[in-house]
Structure formats: C-alpha cells, structure tokens
C-alpha cells in the first residue's frame, strides 16, 4: 500500500528530492529509480505544460511523490495542477496569511474550499469522483513557499493557516529581497531563514529548503529541515558532465 506524502511528512522523516523543469518523463523516471523520495515539479520557471506535468508524475510512479509548484496562486492554475494527480502543491511567493488562506481555499473541495470538480486523472477519469474528493481534502499536501522577507515577517500567521502542511524556503529570492542575492551565508539572510525554520518548528510544521549541492543538503538536514530539494535535473546533469571531463583532463 502506498504511504502518502502527508503521512511521511507527519512522521518527521527527512525527505530528499530534486527539482524537475524539463518536459521529459524519462528524466523523472530515472530520478525516481535513483532513489529520490520526492520530486519538485516546477511549473513556475520550468518549460512544463499541464500535459507535461501529468506525464512526469505518471513516470515517477507511486513510490516517488510529486509536489507541483504552480505558475501562479490563482484558482485555475491550482485546480488544473491538482487534476494531474499531483501529491501536493507548492504555492510560490506566499508572503502573508491572506495569500496562504486564498491558496488553501482554491486547493480544497467544498465544504473546505472552492476547488472545482473535474473529470481528470486525479478523479480516475470519472471512475472515482466521490472517493477522490474525500481523499484529496485529506491527503493533498499544501506547501507555502516563503521566498521574501515579508514572508519571514508574517511567518507565524502563515504557519497557523489550517491546510498549510509545510513551508518551503526559497533562499535565492529571499536573499534577493534583502538586496543580497545569492549571499546565503550573510548574517541577515541566515537570520531570515532561521526565523522561518523556528516558526515552523514551534507550529509543528515541517520546513523545507532548496540546497545547491550535497554539502548544503547535509547542512540543511542537520539544521532540522525535513523537505530538502537538492539542485535540479539540469544542475545534476551539468555537474556530472563537468566532473567527468575534469577527471579525464586531470588524468
């Protein structure tokens, strides 16, 4: 029996994933076979249509759950992303309580929200509509992405929103919002990250973060992050290629 992503998060075990931005089901399948425990499917910055996203989720399979970052936190984008059968959503640029509440409402079926009922993969193409409504409201993971200093200032209210299951920190945009783009070890940037992480811990919500490489991922796990995204498929491919070429040239 498949263990839901929500259950895995509630158990508190660390989950390692990577970001997918290219429309290739085969890449997703390879990453799942490699042992990644979740995939960050990026519809905000990636080259992905809803059809691409659905096929990536199908290729990853039930053992590797997928969180889809929607291109915008509007009801249509949220509904269509969930209809692909995603295990959950990441809401980009969630800066305050009101935005978090609006995203949750759009992602939940009535009476908990306003999500429209479709006949798509998530509903068994019509065969499991009733069952899918109940399961979706209970099991779909909803993640607020904190990637601006305004989110850090309102983080205690964001994590208190019913339906928000976790918070994922975007360190690139967060550092940029402080005019310190890419300076992740800067005292002010680290302070903002710590504020978010500590608020999540106090509220009993798992915190996640983007990590550039294995070293950064290990450090994030040691700091208590439980939903860690290590790079992206493009970065993994580029890094592996450079390592091979450099090794050959040194030899």
C-alpha atoms as a PDB file:
ATOM      1  CA  UNK A   1       0.000   0.000   0.000  1.00  0.00           C
ATOM      2  CA  UNK A   2       1.284   3.438  -0.943  1.00  0.00           C
ATOM      3  CA  UNK A   3       2.275   5.642   2.016  1.00  0.00           C
ATOM      4  CA  UNK A   4       1.034   9.165   1.356  1.00  0.00           C
ATOM      5  CA  UNK A   5       3.423  12.088   1.288  1.00  0.00           C
ATOM      6  CA  UNK A   6       1.409  13.731   4.055  1.00  0.00           C
ATOM      7  CA  UNK A   7       1.959  10.713   6.291  1.00  0.00           C
ATOM      8  CA  UNK A   8       5.682  10.745   5.540  1.00  0.00           C
ATOM      9  CA  UNK A   9       5.880  14.415   6.492  1.00  0.00           C
ATOM     10  CA  UNK A  10       3.909  13.844   9.688  1.00  0.00           C
ATOM     11  CA  UNK A  11       6.315  11.076  10.669  1.00  0.00           C
ATOM     12  CA  UNK A  12       9.084  13.675  10.657  1.00  0.00           C
ATOM     13  CA  UNK A  13      11.483  11.708   8.500  1.00  0.00           C
ATOM     14  CA  UNK A  14      13.771  13.720   6.189  1.00  0.00           C
ATOM     15  CA  UNK A  15      12.818  13.538   2.520  1.00  0.00           C
ATOM     16  CA  UNK A  16      15.337  14.258  -0.246  1.00  0.00           C
ATOM     17  CA  UNK A  17      14.126  15.435  -3.615  1.00  0.00           C
ATOM     18  CA  UNK A  18      15.264  17.360  -6.645  1.00  0.00           C
ATOM     19  CA  UNK A  19      13.680  19.873  -8.991  1.00  0.00           C
ATOM     20  CA  UNK A  20      12.370  18.922 -12.440  1.00  0.00           C
ATOM     21  CA  UNK A  21      11.997  21.683 -15.023  1.00  0.00           C
ATOM     22  CA  UNK A  22      12.339  19.901 -18.390  1.00  0.00           C
ATOM     23  CA  UNK A  23       9.382  18.180 -20.127  1.00  0.00           C
ATOM     24  CA  UNK A  24      10.895  14.693 -20.014  1.00  0.00           C
ATOM     25  CA  UNK A  25       9.058  11.816 -18.295  1.00  0.00           C
ATOM     26  CA  UNK A  26      12.175   9.693 -18.794  1.00  0.00           C
ATOM     27  CA  UNK A  27      14.263  12.038 -16.639  1.00  0.00           C
ATOM     28  CA  UNK A  28      11.652  11.863 -13.872  1.00  0.00           C
ATOM     29  CA  UNK A  29      11.665   8.077 -14.117  1.00  0.00           C
ATOM     30  CA  UNK A  30      15.467   7.974 -13.839  1.00  0.00           C
ATOM     31  CA  UNK A  31      15.421  10.254 -10.776  1.00  0.00           C
ATOM     32  CA  UNK A  32      12.774   8.104  -9.099  1.00  0.00           C
ATOM     33  CA  UNK A  33      14.762   4.944  -9.867  1.00  0.00           C
ATOM     34  CA  UNK A  34      17.866   6.623  -8.425  1.00  0.00           C
ATOM     35  CA  UNK A  35      16.105   6.846  -5.071  1.00  0.00           C
ATOM     36  CA  UNK A  36      14.865  10.415  -4.701  1.00  0.00           C
ATOM     37  CA  UNK A  37      11.998  10.444  -2.226  1.00  0.00           C
ATOM     38  CA  UNK A  38      10.032  13.253  -3.887  1.00  0.00           C
ATOM     39  CA  UNK A  39      10.199  15.482  -6.940  1.00  0.00           C
ATOM     40  CA  UNK A  40       9.705  19.247  -7.108  1.00  0.00           C
ATOM     41  CA  UNK A  41       7.873  19.765 -10.423  1.00  0.00           C
ATOM     42  CA  UNK A  42       8.423  23.370 -11.431  1.00  0.00           C
ATOM     43  CA  UNK A  43       5.634  24.928 -13.488  1.00  0.00           C
ATOM     44  CA  UNK A  44       6.617  28.439 -12.396  1.00  0.00           C
ATOM     45  CA  UNK A  45      10.028  28.617 -14.074  1.00  0.00           C
ATOM     46  CA  UNK A  46      10.207  25.277 -15.921  1.00  0.00           C
ATOM     47  CA  UNK A  47       9.201  24.526 -19.520  1.00  0.00           C
ATOM     48  CA  UNK A  48       6.202  22.468 -18.419  1.00  0.00           C
ATOM     49  CA  UNK A  49       2.617  22.363 -19.625  1.00  0.00           C
ATOM     50  CA  UNK A  50      -0.092  20.595 -17.640  1.00  0.00           C
ATOM     51  CA  UNK A  51       0.230  17.618 -20.011  1.00  0.00           C
ATOM     52  CA  UNK A  52       3.996  17.518 -19.389  1.00  0.00           C
ATOM     53  CA  UNK A  53       3.403  17.687 -15.654  1.00  0.00           C
ATOM     54  CA  UNK A  54       0.916  14.811 -15.687  1.00  0.00           C
ATOM     55  CA  UNK A  55       3.258  12.568 -17.690  1.00  0.00           C
ATOM     56  CA  UNK A  56       6.155  13.355 -15.355  1.00  0.00           C
ATOM     57  CA  UNK A  57       4.002  12.362 -12.374  1.00  0.00           C
ATOM     58  CA  UNK A  58       2.987   9.149 -14.127  1.00  0.00           C
ATOM     59  CA  UNK A  59       6.624   8.341 -14.921  1.00  0.00           C
ATOM     60  CA  UNK A  60       7.803   8.999 -11.359  1.00  0.00           C
ATOM     61  CA  UNK A  61       5.331   6.399 -10.127  1.00  0.00           C
ATOM     62  CA  UNK A  62       3.631   5.904  -6.768  1.00  0.00           C
ATOM     63  CA  UNK A  63       6.893   5.389  -4.851  1.00  0.00           C
ATOM     64  CA  UNK A  64       8.141   8.897  -5.661  1.00  0.00           C
ATOM     65  CA  UNK A  65       5.522  11.530  -4.801  1.00  0.00           C
ATOM     66  CA  UNK A  66       5.473  14.812  -6.710  1.00  0.00           C
ATOM     67  CA  UNK A  67       4.873  18.342  -5.472  1.00  0.00           C
ATOM     68  CA  UNK A  68       3.975  20.762  -8.252  1.00  0.00           C
ATOM     69  CA  UNK A  69       4.936  24.409  -7.935  1.00  0.00           C
ATOM     70  CA  UNK A  70       2.101  26.199  -9.693  1.00  0.00           C
ATOM     71  CA  UNK A  71       2.880  29.081 -12.066  1.00  0.00           C
ATOM     72  CA  UNK A  72       0.567  31.373 -10.083  1.00  0.00           C
ATOM     73  CA  UNK A  73      -1.554  31.121  -6.955  1.00  0.00           C
ATOM     74  CA  UNK A  74      -4.852  31.502  -8.786  1.00  0.00           C
ATOM     75  CA  UNK A  75      -7.771  29.025  -8.619  1.00  0.00           C
ATOM     76  CA  UNK A  76      -7.468  27.853 -12.239  1.00  0.00           C
ATOM     77  CA  UNK A  77      -3.732  27.102 -12.034  1.00  0.00           C
ATOM     78  CA  UNK A  78      -4.216  25.333  -8.713  1.00  0.00           C
ATOM     79  CA  UNK A  79      -7.170  23.237  -9.894  1.00  0.00           C
ATOM     80  CA  UNK A  80      -5.529  22.168 -13.167  1.00  0.00           C
ATOM     81  CA  UNK A  81      -2.283  21.218 -11.410  1.00  0.00           C
ATOM     82  CA  UNK A  82      -4.156  19.072  -8.896  1.00  0.00           C
ATOM     83  CA  UNK A  83      -6.168  17.378 -11.645  1.00  0.00           C
ATOM     84  CA  UNK A  84      -2.914  15.849 -12.941  1.00  0.00           C
ATOM     85  CA  UNK A  85      -2.813  13.637  -9.854  1.00  0.00           C
ATOM     86  CA  UNK A  86      -0.076  15.566  -8.049  1.00  0.00           C
ATOM     87  CA  UNK A  87       0.513  14.594  -4.424  1.00  0.00           C
ATOM     88  CA  UNK A  88       0.526  18.247  -3.496  1.00  0.00           C
ATOM     89  CA  UNK A  89       1.282  21.809  -4.476  1.00  0.00           C
ATOM     90  CA  UNK A  90       3.878  24.436  -3.682  1.00  0.00           C
ATOM     91  CA  UNK A  91       2.444  27.962  -3.653  1.00  0.00           C
ATOM     92  CA  UNK A  92       5.178  30.400  -4.776  1.00  0.00           C
ATOM     93  CA  UNK A  93       5.628  33.860  -3.235  1.00  0.00           C
ATOM     94  CA  UNK A  94       3.340  33.308  -0.259  1.00  0.00           C
ATOM     95  CA  UNK A  95       4.058  36.464   1.720  1.00  0.00           C
ATOM     96  CA  UNK A  96       1.244  36.646   4.244  1.00  0.00           C
ATOM     97  CA  UNK A  97      -1.655  34.894   5.948  1.00  0.00           C
ATOM     98  CA  UNK A  98      -4.266  36.140   3.476  1.00  0.00           C
ATOM     99  CA  UNK A  99      -2.388  34.733   0.475  1.00  0.00           C
ATOM    100  CA  UNK A 100      -1.922  31.386   2.229  1.00  0.00           C
ATOM    101  CA  UNK A 101      -5.627  31.198   3.072  1.00  0.00           C
ATOM    102  CA  UNK A 102      -6.637  32.004  -0.517  1.00  0.00           C
ATOM    103  CA  UNK A 103      -4.375  29.255  -1.898  1.00  0.00           C
ATOM    104  CA  UNK A 104      -5.746  26.680   0.538  1.00  0.00           C
ATOM    105  CA  UNK A 105      -9.338  27.587  -0.357  1.00  0.00           C
ATOM    106  CA  UNK A 106      -8.592  27.117  -4.050  1.00  0.00           C
ATOM    107  CA  UNK A 107      -6.977  23.720  -3.404  1.00  0.00           C
ATOM    108  CA  UNK A 108      -9.695  22.221  -1.202  1.00  0.00           C
ATOM    109  CA  UNK A 109     -13.018  20.829  -2.386  1.00  0.00           C
ATOM    110  CA  UNK A 110     -16.236  22.078  -0.722  1.00  0.00           C
ATOM    111  CA  UNK A 111     -17.048  22.430   2.086  1.00  0.00           C
ATOM    112  CA  UNK A 112     -13.407  23.196   2.980  1.00  0.00           C
ATOM    113  CA  UNK A 113     -12.721  25.242  -0.140  1.00  0.00           C
ATOM    114  CA  UNK A 114     -13.832  26.181  -3.624  1.00  0.00           C
ATOM    115  CA  UNK A 115     -11.940  23.755  -5.903  1.00  0.00           C
ATOM    116  CA  UNK A 116     -13.957  22.838  -8.971  1.00  0.00           C
ATOM    117  CA  UNK A 117     -14.767  19.156  -9.501  1.00  0.00           C
ATOM    118  CA  UNK A 118     -13.270  17.836 -12.729  1.00  0.00           C
ATOM    119  CA  UNK A 119     -13.113  14.530 -14.559  1.00  0.00           C
ATOM    120  CA  UNK A 120      -9.386  14.027 -14.991  1.00  0.00           C
ATOM    121  CA  UNK A 121      -6.578  11.738 -13.848  1.00  0.00           C
ATOM    122  CA  UNK A 122      -6.966  12.744 -10.194  1.00  0.00           C
ATOM    123  CA  UNK A 123     -10.579  11.541 -10.304  1.00  0.00           C
ATOM    124  CA  UNK A 124      -9.792   8.273 -12.082  1.00  0.00           C
ATOM    125  CA  UNK A 125     -11.059   9.864 -15.306  1.00  0.00           C
ATOM    126  CA  UNK A 126     -14.537   9.771 -13.798  1.00  0.00           C
ATOM    127  CA  UNK A 127     -14.422   6.338 -12.190  1.00  0.00           C
ATOM    128  CA  UNK A 128     -13.598   7.533  -8.653  1.00  0.00           C
ATOM    129  CA  UNK A 129     -15.038  11.020  -8.337  1.00  0.00           C
ATOM    130  CA  UNK A 130     -16.620  10.621  -4.904  1.00  0.00           C
ATOM    131  CA  UNK A 131     -13.629   8.816  -3.459  1.00  0.00           C
ATOM    132  CA  UNK A 132     -11.221  11.373  -4.902  1.00  0.00           C
ATOM    133  CA  UNK A 133     -12.984  14.308  -3.240  1.00  0.00           C
ATOM    134  CA  UNK A 134     -12.607  12.889   0.246  1.00  0.00           C
ATOM    135  CA  UNK A 135      -9.054  11.650  -0.316  1.00  0.00           C
ATOM    136  CA  UNK A 136      -7.878  14.895  -1.882  1.00  0.00           C
ATOM    137  CA  UNK A 137      -9.085  17.037   1.013  1.00  0.00           C
ATOM    138  CA  UNK A 138      -7.401  14.705   3.492  1.00  0.00           C
ATOM    139  CA  UNK A 139      -4.178  13.741   1.712  1.00  0.00           C
ATOM    140  CA  UNK A 140      -3.147  16.530  -0.658  1.00  0.00           C
ATOM    141  CA  UNK A 141      -0.054  18.287   0.698  1.00  0.00           C
ATOM    142  CA  UNK A 142      -0.140  22.077   0.533  1.00  0.00           C
ATOM    143  CA  UNK A 143       3.137  23.942   0.902  1.00  0.00           C
ATOM    144  CA  UNK A 144       3.573  27.686   1.283  1.00  0.00           C
ATOM    145  CA  UNK A 145       6.801  28.909  -0.281  1.00  0.00           C
ATOM    146  CA  UNK A 146       8.467  31.623   1.779  1.00  0.00           C
ATOM    147  CA  UNK A 147      10.827  33.485  -0.518  1.00  0.00           C
ATOM    148  CA  UNK A 148      10.627  37.115   0.553  1.00  0.00           C
ATOM    149  CA  UNK A 149      11.473  38.979   3.734  1.00  0.00           C
ATOM    150  CA  UNK A 150       7.765  39.854   4.019  1.00  0.00           C
ATOM    151  CA  UNK A 151       7.027  36.132   4.400  1.00  0.00           C
ATOM    152  CA  UNK A 152       9.543  35.907   7.245  1.00  0.00           C
ATOM    153  CA  UNK A 153       7.837  38.827   8.975  1.00  0.00           C
ATOM    154  CA  UNK A 154       4.412  37.132   8.786  1.00  0.00           C
ATOM    155  CA  UNK A 155       5.575  33.515   9.097  1.00  0.00           C
ATOM    156  CA  UNK A 156       3.836  32.817  12.420  1.00  0.00           C
ATOM    157  CA  UNK A 157       0.496  33.669  10.829  1.00  0.00           C
ATOM    158  CA  UNK A 158       1.275  31.722   7.639  1.00  0.00           C
ATOM    159  CA  UNK A 159       2.061  28.500   9.514  1.00  0.00           C
ATOM    160  CA  UNK A 160      -1.117  28.882  11.560  1.00  0.00           C
ATOM    161  CA  UNK A 161      -3.353  28.730   8.471  1.00  0.00           C
ATOM    162  CA  UNK A 162      -5.399  25.483   8.508  1.00  0.00           C
ATOM    163  CA  UNK A 163      -4.476  23.375   5.497  1.00  0.00           C
ATOM    164  CA  UNK A 164      -0.876  24.572   5.193  1.00  0.00           C
ATOM    165  CA  UNK A 165       1.104  21.371   5.772  1.00  0.00           C
ATOM    166  CA  UNK A 166       4.649  22.687   5.355  1.00  0.00           C
ATOM    167  CA  UNK A 167       6.695  25.729   4.430  1.00  0.00           C
ATOM    168  CA  UNK A 168       9.415  25.668   1.787  1.00  0.00           C
ATOM    169  CA  UNK A 169      12.091  28.361   1.795  1.00  0.00           C
ATOM    170  CA  UNK A 170      13.337  29.769  -1.492  1.00  0.00           C
ATOM    171  CA  UNK A 171      16.756  31.123  -0.465  1.00  0.00           C
ATOM    172  CA  UNK A 172      17.548  32.750  -3.826  1.00  0.00           C
ATOM    173  CA  UNK A 173      14.553  35.090  -3.902  1.00  0.00           C
ATOM    174  CA  UNK A 174      14.686  35.541  -0.128  1.00  0.00           C
ATOM    175  CA  UNK A 175      18.264  36.774  -0.299  1.00  0.00           C
ATOM    176  CA  UNK A 176      17.390  38.976  -3.287  1.00  0.00           C
ATOM    177  CA  UNK A 177      14.552  40.585  -1.318  1.00  0.00           C
ATOM    178  CA  UNK A 178      17.251  41.732   1.127  1.00  0.00           C
ATOM    179  CA  UNK A 179      19.424  43.079  -1.719  1.00  0.00           C
ATOM    180  CA  UNK A 180      21.878  40.244  -1.064  1.00  0.00           C
ATOM    181  CA  UNK A 181      21.139  37.880  -3.939  1.00  0.00           C
ATOM    182  CA  UNK A 182      22.976  34.564  -3.601  1.00  0.00           C
ATOM    183  CA  UNK A 183      24.698  35.524  -0.338  1.00  0.00           C
ATOM    184  CA  UNK A 184      23.204  32.662   1.643  1.00  0.00           C
ATOM    185  CA  UNK A 185      25.734  32.861   4.476  1.00  0.00           C
ATOM    186  CA  UNK A 186      25.095  36.551   5.064  1.00  0.00           C
ATOM    187  CA  UNK A 187      24.018  37.188   8.641  1.00  0.00           C
ATOM    188  CA  UNK A 188      20.764  38.910   7.660  1.00  0.00           C
ATOM    189  CA  UNK A 189      19.834  36.189   5.154  1.00  0.00           C
ATOM    190  CA  UNK A 190      20.623  33.433   7.643  1.00  0.00           C
ATOM    191  CA  UNK A 191      18.595  35.296  10.250  1.00  0.00           C
ATOM    192  CA  UNK A 192      15.532  35.357   7.998  1.00  0.00           C
ATOM    193  CA  UNK A 193      15.917  31.641   7.221  1.00  0.00           C
ATOM    194  CA  UNK A 194      16.212  30.860  10.941  1.00  0.00           C
ATOM    195  CA  UNK A 195      13.081  32.860  11.744  1.00  0.00           C
ATOM    196  CA  UNK A 196      11.086  30.797   9.247  1.00  0.00           C
ATOM    197  CA  UNK A 197      12.588  27.473  10.349  1.00  0.00           C
ATOM    198  CA  UNK A 198      11.998  28.182  14.044  1.00  0.00           C
ATOM    199  CA  UNK A 199       8.398  29.296  13.461  1.00  0.00           C
ATOM    200  CA  UNK A 200       7.723  26.055  11.592  1.00  0.00           C
ATOM    201  CA  UNK A 201       9.209  24.012  14.424  1.00  0.00           C
ATOM    202  CA  UNK A 202       7.117  25.856  17.013  1.00  0.00           C
ATOM    203  CA  UNK A 203       3.948  25.232  14.983  1.00  0.00           C
ATOM    204  CA  UNK A 204       4.777  21.579  14.293  1.00  0.00           C
ATOM    205  CA  UNK A 205       5.038  22.177  10.544  1.00  0.00           C
ATOM    206  CA  UNK A 206       7.854  20.614   8.507  1.00  0.00           C
ATOM    207  CA  UNK A 207      10.220  23.123   6.944  1.00  0.00           C
ATOM    208  CA  UNK A 208      11.820  22.644   3.553  1.00  0.00           C
ATOM    209  CA  UNK A 209      14.556  24.398   1.637  1.00  0.00           C
ATOM    210  CA  UNK A 210      16.410  24.406  -1.662  1.00  0.00           C
ATOM    211  CA  UNK A 211      20.009  23.152  -1.399  1.00  0.00           C
ATOM    212  CA  UNK A 212      22.572  23.767  -4.136  1.00  0.00           C
ATOM    213  CA  UNK A 213      24.574  20.575  -3.594  1.00  0.00           C
ATOM    214  CA  UNK A 214      25.123  17.563  -1.305  1.00  0.00           C
ATOM    215  CA  UNK A 215      27.070  19.571   1.253  1.00  0.00           C
ATOM    216  CA  UNK A 216      24.319  22.188   1.526  1.00  0.00           C
ATOM    217  CA  UNK A 217      21.699  19.428   1.758  1.00  0.00           C
ATOM    218  CA  UNK A 218      23.553  17.717   4.625  1.00  0.00           C
ATOM    219  CA  UNK A 219      23.789  21.034   6.462  1.00  0.00           C
ATOM    220  CA  UNK A 220      20.073  21.645   5.947  1.00  0.00           C
ATOM    221  CA  UNK A 221      19.199  18.235   7.378  1.00  0.00           C
ATOM    222  CA  UNK A 222      21.396  18.914  10.403  1.00  0.00           C
ATOM    223  CA  UNK A 223      19.545  22.194  10.936  1.00  0.00           C
ATOM    224  CA  UNK A 224      16.229  20.342  11.067  1.00  0.00           C
ATOM    225  CA  UNK A 225      14.846  20.808   7.566  1.00  0.00           C
ATOM    226  CA  UNK A 226      12.782  17.805   6.510  1.00  0.00           C
ATOM    227  CA  UNK A 227      11.796  18.580   2.913  1.00  0.00           C
ATOM    228  CA  UNK A 228      15.095  19.195   1.148  1.00  0.00           C
ATOM    229  CA  UNK A 229      15.382  19.759  -2.598  1.00  0.00           C
ATOM    230  CA  UNK A 230      18.907  19.115  -3.877  1.00  0.00           C
ATOM    231  CA  UNK A 231      19.542  21.139  -7.029  1.00  0.00           C
ATOM    232  CA  UNK A 232      17.698  20.410 -10.258  1.00  0.00           C
ATOM    233  CA  UNK A 233      17.931  17.855 -13.016  1.00  0.00           C
ATOM    234  CA  UNK A 234      19.713  20.395 -15.205  1.00  0.00           C
ATOM    235  CA  UNK A 235      22.264  21.094 -12.466  1.00  0.00           C
ATOM    236  CA  UNK A 236      22.786  17.401 -11.742  1.00  0.00           C
ATOM    237  CA  UNK A 237      23.456  16.725 -15.423  1.00  0.00           C
ATOM    238  CA  UNK A 238      25.778  19.703 -15.791  1.00  0.00           C
ATOM    239  CA  UNK A 239      27.709  18.910 -12.608  1.00  0.00           C
ATOM    240  CA  UNK A 240      28.149  15.245 -13.595  1.00  0.00           C
ATOM    241  CA  UNK A 241      29.358  16.217 -17.069  1.00  0.00           C
ATOM    242  CA  UNK A 242      31.897  18.687 -15.702  1.00  0.00           C
ATOM    243  CA  UNK A 243      33.186  16.205 -13.129  1.00  0.00           C
ATOM    244  CA  UNK A 244      33.740  13.550 -15.800  1.00  0.00           C
ATOM    245  CA  UNK A 245      35.509  15.948 -18.149  1.00  0.00           C
ATOM    246  CA  UNK A 246      37.679  17.424 -15.419  1.00  0.00           C
ATOM    247  CA  UNK A 247      38.622  13.960 -14.181  1.00  0.00           C
ATOM    248  CA  UNK A 248      39.662  12.875 -17.677  1.00  0.00           C
ATOM    249  CA  UNK A 249      41.653  16.051 -18.303  1.00  0.00           C
ATOM    250  CA  UNK A 250      43.441  15.821 -14.939  1.00  0.00           C
ATOM    251  CA  UNK A 251      44.292  12.202 -15.665  1.00  0.00           C
END
